[in-house]
Amino acid sequence: MRWLRVPESWPRRRVFPVLGLLFALGTPLGLLVLRALLAGAPPTPASLVTEAKADPVTLGYLVFTSLLVFVLLGRALGAREDTLAEASMTDPLTGLSNRRHLDTRLAEEITRLARYEGSVALLLLDVDHLKEINDRGGHEAGDVALHAVAEALRRSCRAIDLPSRYGGDEFAVLLPETTAVQGVELAERIRASLRAVPGAPTVSIGLADLDAAAAPLPLALFEAADAALYAAKTAGRDRAVVAPPAPPRSSALDEGPAG
């Protein structure tokens, strides 16, 4: 039912009890309308008031029980919906956002920039030598390393940033209203945070913004950041590299008439 749809950002545990309240108020109203129809008179505000006054105890009991049941049921269903929605956007190992949530937010951010001026950057991060960590200490040691990186991201990122685990040993951070060069400050905070933790792994980081992307599309931005990440790894790892600006995008107007 389209009319029941609410914005995704609204907590269902708060919205559903309000909807339950509205449904609960409709129950005694329906009873009054039914009584009026059975009496052979069309329901009017005056007749409904008369019916309510005729049996206030029954009506009051119906109002109270309906409110109790619908509001509590709405809260329970809303909390369940919130839990399921959060689980669908969260990486179970690190507690960060997952790839699905990041992809959605990145697409929304690029769509917003198509209408308004601004910038967006993407930071891709690889845990250095995670395979060797797993080989030496087993997968538990690898999980500890991933947790250390996730905590470094939580400590280092701003409130508007979206840190996420993109898959395997790769993490990503969406940086709204930020250029890739400005994102280097965050990259260095992340690396410094890991250096302060004994036994924490080092990381390689690639950064890109739309100026480095071949097109203003999420995939193009990821490719630019991934190329910068590859450059960081081939240069010796444990460093941050910014993707260079992409060549100017050609257009039909630039090329002129054919022939």
Protein backbone atom coordinates (compact mmCIF):
# COMPACT_ATOMS: atom_id res chain seq x y z
CA MET A 1 0.00 0.00 0.00
CA ARG A 2 1.73 3.13 -1.26
CA TRP A 3 -0.05 5.42 1.17
CA LEU A 4 1.54 3.61 4.09
CA ARG A 5 5.10 4.12 2.83
CA VAL A 6 7.30 6.32 4.99
CA PRO A 7 10.85 7.61 4.40
CA GLU A 8 13.54 4.99 4.95
CA SER A 9 15.31 7.24 7.47
CA TRP A 10 12.30 7.26 9.85
CA PRO A 11 12.67 4.66 12.66
CA ARG A 12 9.89 2.09 12.29
CA ARG A 13 9.81 1.53 16.06
CA ARG A 14 8.42 5.09 16.30
CA VAL A 15 6.37 5.25 13.12
CA PHE A 16 4.49 1.97 13.50
CA PRO A 17 3.05 2.77 16.97
CA VAL A 18 1.66 6.02 15.53
CA LEU A 19 0.04 4.06 12.72
CA GLY A 20 -1.27 1.63 15.33
CA LEU A 21 -2.77 4.57 17.22
CA LEU A 22 -4.64 5.67 14.10
CA PHE A 23 -5.93 2.15 13.47
CA ALA A 24 -6.97 1.86 17.13
CA LEU A 25 -9.03 5.06 16.94
CA GLY A 26 -10.76 3.70 13.85
CA THR A 27 -12.02 0.61 15.70
CA PRO A 28 -14.51 2.34 18.07
CA LEU A 29 -15.50 4.70 15.27
CA GLY A 30 -16.35 1.70 13.11
CA LEU A 31 -18.49 0.28 15.94
CA LEU A 32 -20.47 3.52 16.22
CA VAL A 33 -21.03 3.65 12.47
CA LEU A 34 -22.19 0.01 12.46
CA ARG A 35 -24.63 0.66 15.29
CA ALA A 36 -26.06 3.65 13.45
CA LEU A 37 -26.55 1.62 10.27
CA LEU A 38 -28.20 -1.23 12.17
CA ALA A 39 -30.58 1.29 13.71
CA GLY A 40 -31.62 2.27 10.19
CA ALA A 41 -30.27 5.83 10.36
CA PRO A 42 -27.42 7.26 8.28
CA PRO A 43 -24.35 7.92 10.46
CA THR A 44 -23.90 11.61 11.19
CA PRO A 45 -21.65 13.35 13.73
CA ALA A 46 -24.68 13.95 15.94
CA SER A 47 -25.83 10.31 15.76
CA LEU A 48 -22.35 9.05 16.50
CA VAL A 49 -22.13 11.26 19.59
CA THR A 50 -25.52 9.95 20.71
CA GLU A 51 -24.39 6.35 20.28
CA ALA A 52 -21.21 7.06 22.26
CA LYS A 53 -23.15 8.58 25.14
CA ALA A 54 -25.56 5.64 25.18
CA ASP A 55 -22.87 3.12 26.17
CA PRO A 56 -19.72 4.95 27.33
CA VAL A 57 -18.34 1.99 29.33
CA THR A 58 -18.26 -0.37 26.34
CA LEU A 59 -16.87 2.32 24.09
CA GLY A 60 -14.19 3.31 26.64
CA TYR A 61 -13.13 -0.31 27.10
CA LEU A 62 -12.91 -0.76 23.32
CA VAL A 63 -10.83 2.40 22.93
CA PHE A 64 -8.43 1.40 25.72
CA THR A 65 -7.89 -2.19 24.57
CA SER A 66 -7.56 -1.18 20.91
CA LEU A 67 -4.96 1.44 21.77
CA LEU A 68 -3.02 -0.99 23.93
CA VAL A 69 -3.00 -3.80 21.38
CA PHE A 70 -2.34 -1.75 18.23
CA VAL A 71 0.32 0.51 19.76
CA LEU A 72 2.23 -2.37 21.37
CA LEU A 73 1.91 -4.46 18.22
CA GLY A 74 3.12 -1.52 16.14
CA ARG A 75 6.12 -1.01 18.38
CA ALA A 76 7.06 -4.71 18.23
CA LEU A 77 6.70 -4.87 14.45
CA GLY A 78 8.56 -1.57 14.03
CA ALA A 79 11.48 -2.74 16.18
CA ARG A 80 11.67 -5.93 14.12
CA GLU A 81 11.67 -3.95 10.86
CA ASP A 82 14.45 -1.68 12.18
CA THR A 83 16.52 -4.68 13.21
CA LEU A 84 16.13 -6.34 9.81
CA ALA A 85 16.90 -3.10 7.97
CA GLU A 86 20.03 -2.52 10.06
CA ALA A 87 21.19 -6.10 9.54
CA SER A 88 20.78 -5.74 5.77
CA MET A 89 23.14 -2.74 5.78
CA THR A 90 25.75 -3.98 8.28
CA ASP A 91 28.80 -6.18 7.93
CA PRO A 92 28.38 -8.90 10.60
CA LEU A 93 32.09 -9.21 11.41
CA THR A 94 33.11 -5.57 11.88
CA GLY A 95 29.79 -3.84 12.51
CA LEU A 96 30.56 -1.30 9.77
CA SER A 97 28.26 -0.63 6.83
CA ASN A 98 28.37 -3.28 4.13
CA ARG A 99 28.89 -3.04 0.38
CA ARG A 100 25.17 -2.79 -0.34
CA HIS A 101 24.74 0.24 1.90
CA LEU A 102 27.86 1.92 0.53
CA ASP A 103 26.77 1.39 -3.08
CA THR A 104 23.36 2.89 -2.31
CA ARG A 105 24.77 5.93 -0.53
CA LEU A 106 27.39 6.54 -3.22
CA ALA A 107 24.77 6.46 -5.97
CA GLU A 108 22.63 8.90 -3.97
CA GLU A 109 25.59 11.23 -3.44
CA ILE A 110 26.52 11.31 -7.13
CA THR A 111 22.88 11.92 -8.07
CA ARG A 112 22.80 14.83 -5.63
CA LEU A 113 25.97 16.29 -7.14
CA ALA A 114 24.39 16.16 -10.58
CA ARG A 115 21.89 18.77 -9.31
CA TYR A 116 24.01 20.81 -6.95
CA GLU A 117 27.63 21.89 -6.77
CA GLY A 118 29.95 20.04 -4.44
CA SER A 119 32.42 17.19 -4.30
CA VAL A 120 32.65 13.62 -3.13
CA ALA A 121 35.66 11.38 -2.60
CA LEU A 122 36.08 7.66 -2.15
CA LEU A 123 38.78 6.05 -0.02
CA LEU A 124 39.63 2.39 -0.65
CA LEU A 125 41.76 0.57 1.90
CA ASP A 126 43.45 -2.84 1.81
CA VAL A 127 44.87 -4.61 4.87
CA ASP A 128 48.52 -5.30 4.07
CA HIS A 129 49.59 -8.97 4.08
CA LEU A 130 46.32 -10.29 5.51
CA LYS A 131 47.01 -13.71 3.94
CA GLU A 132 50.29 -13.95 5.82
CA ILE A 133 48.53 -12.93 9.05
CA ASN A 134 45.99 -15.73 8.49
CA ASP A 135 48.74 -18.22 7.67
CA ARG A 136 50.68 -17.39 10.86
CA GLY A 137 47.84 -17.09 13.34
CA GLY A 138 44.81 -18.61 11.66
CA HIS A 139 41.61 -16.88 10.69
CA GLU A 140 41.11 -15.63 14.25
CA ALA A 141 44.25 -13.53 13.86
CA GLY A 142 42.90 -12.25 10.55
CA ASP A 143 39.61 -11.31 12.20
CA VAL A 144 41.53 -9.43 14.92
CA ALA A 145 43.34 -7.47 12.21
CA LEU A 146 40.06 -6.63 10.47
CA HIS A 147 38.56 -5.50 13.79
CA ALA A 148 41.58 -3.26 14.41
CA VAL A 149 41.09 -1.58 11.04
CA ALA A 150 37.36 -1.16 11.65
CA GLU A 151 38.04 0.52 15.01
CA ALA A 152 40.62 2.81 13.40
CA LEU A 153 37.99 3.86 10.87
CA ARG A 154 35.46 4.56 13.61
CA ARG A 155 37.96 6.67 15.54
CA SER A 156 39.19 8.57 12.49
CA CYS A 157 36.13 9.25 10.34
CA ARG A 158 33.90 12.29 10.62
CA ALA A 159 30.20 12.06 11.41
CA ILE A 160 29.27 12.65 7.75
CA ASP A 161 31.63 9.94 6.44
CA LEU A 162 30.47 6.39 5.75
CA PRO A 163 33.08 3.75 6.62
CA SER A 164 32.30 0.28 5.37
CA ARG A 165 33.77 -3.14 4.81
CA TYR A 166 33.61 -3.66 1.08
CA GLY A 167 34.64 -7.31 1.11
CA GLY A 168 37.47 -9.58 2.26
CA ASP A 169 40.39 -7.42 3.33
CA GLU A 170 39.06 -4.31 1.58
CA PHE A 171 37.38 -1.37 3.28
CA ALA A 172 35.93 1.81 1.80
CA VAL A 173 34.96 5.23 3.11
CA LEU A 174 32.54 7.58 1.38
CA LEU A 175 33.62 11.19 1.95
CA PRO A 176 30.86 13.70 1.13
CA GLU A 177 31.78 17.33 0.44
CA THR A 178 35.44 16.31 0.22
CA THR A 179 38.08 16.17 -2.52
CA ALA A 180 40.60 13.36 -2.76
CA VAL A 181 43.41 15.68 -1.69
CA GLN A 182 41.43 16.72 1.39
CA GLY A 183 40.80 13.02 2.08
CA VAL A 184 44.53 12.43 2.55
CA GLU A 185 44.19 13.92 6.03
CA LEU A 186 41.73 11.17 6.94
CA ALA A 187 43.98 8.53 5.38
CA GLU A 188 46.88 9.64 7.55
CA ARG A 189 44.66 9.67 10.67
CA ILE A 190 43.69 6.08 9.94
CA ARG A 191 47.31 5.01 9.49
CA ALA A 192 48.39 6.86 12.65
CA SER A 193 45.54 5.26 14.61
CA LEU A 194 46.71 1.79 13.55
CA ARG A 195 50.34 2.56 14.39
CA ALA A 196 49.25 3.40 17.93
CA VAL A 197 47.81 -0.11 18.44
CA PRO A 198 50.42 -2.83 19.17
CA GLY A 199 50.22 -5.64 16.65
CA ALA A 200 47.78 -3.83 14.36
CA PRO A 201 48.35 -4.28 10.62
CA THR A 202 49.43 -1.60 8.18
CA VAL A 203 47.16 -0.58 5.33
CA SER A 204 47.40 0.64 1.75
CA ILE A 205 45.01 3.39 0.74
CA GLY A 206 43.81 4.80 -2.57
CA LEU A 207 41.74 7.96 -2.89
CA ALA A 208 39.81 9.42 -5.81
CA ASP A 209 37.14 12.02 -6.48
CA LEU A 210 35.01 12.67 -9.54
CA ASP A 211 37.79 14.69 -11.16
CA ALA A 212 39.77 11.47 -11.36
CA ALA A 213 36.84 9.38 -12.63
CA ALA A 214 36.35 8.75 -16.33
CA ALA A 215 32.67 9.59 -15.90
CA PRO A 216 30.45 10.90 -13.07
CA LEU A 217 29.34 7.37 -12.19
CA PRO A 218 29.87 5.18 -9.10
CA LEU A 219 31.72 2.50 -11.10
CA ALA A 220 34.09 5.05 -12.61
CA LEU A 221 34.86 6.50 -9.18
CA PHE A 222 35.57 3.02 -7.81
CA GLU A 223 37.87 2.26 -10.72
CA ALA A 224 39.85 5.45 -10.12
CA ALA A 225 40.17 4.77 -6.38
CA ASP A 226 41.09 1.14 -7.07
CA ALA A 227 43.83 2.23 -9.48
CA ALA A 228 45.23 4.54 -6.78
CA LEU A 229 45.06 1.67 -4.27
CA TYR A 230 46.96 -0.57 -6.68
CA ALA A 231 49.59 2.16 -7.05
CA ALA A 232 49.96 2.32 -3.25
CA LYS A 233 50.44 -1.44 -3.03
CA THR A 234 52.96 -1.66 -5.87
CA ALA A 235 54.92 1.26 -4.38
CA GLY A 236 55.57 -0.78 -1.23
CA ARG A 237 52.26 -0.71 0.71
CA ASP A 238 51.66 1.14 4.00
CA ARG A 239 50.93 4.44 2.25
CA ALA A 240 48.17 6.56 0.71
CA VAL A 241 48.02 7.51 -2.97
CA VAL A 242 45.67 10.00 -4.65
CA ALA A 243 44.38 9.21 -8.13
CA PRO A 244 45.46 11.82 -10.69
CA PRO A 245 42.84 13.86 -12.60
CA ALA A 246 41.33 12.02 -15.53
CA PRO A 247 41.83 13.34 -19.09
CA PRO A 248 39.18 15.89 -20.12
CA ARG A 249 35.97 14.19 -21.12
CA SER A 250 35.24 14.64 -24.82
CA SER A 251 31.79 15.42 -26.14
CA ALA A 252 30.11 15.65 -29.51
CA LEU A 253 30.35 19.45 -29.33
CA ASP A 254 34.10 19.28 -28.69
CA GLU A 255 34.69 16.94 -31.60
CA GLY A 256 32.80 19.03 -34.09
CA PRO A 257 31.02 17.74 -37.21
CA ALA A 258 32.18 14.46 -38.68
CA GLY A 259 34.08 14.47 -41.95
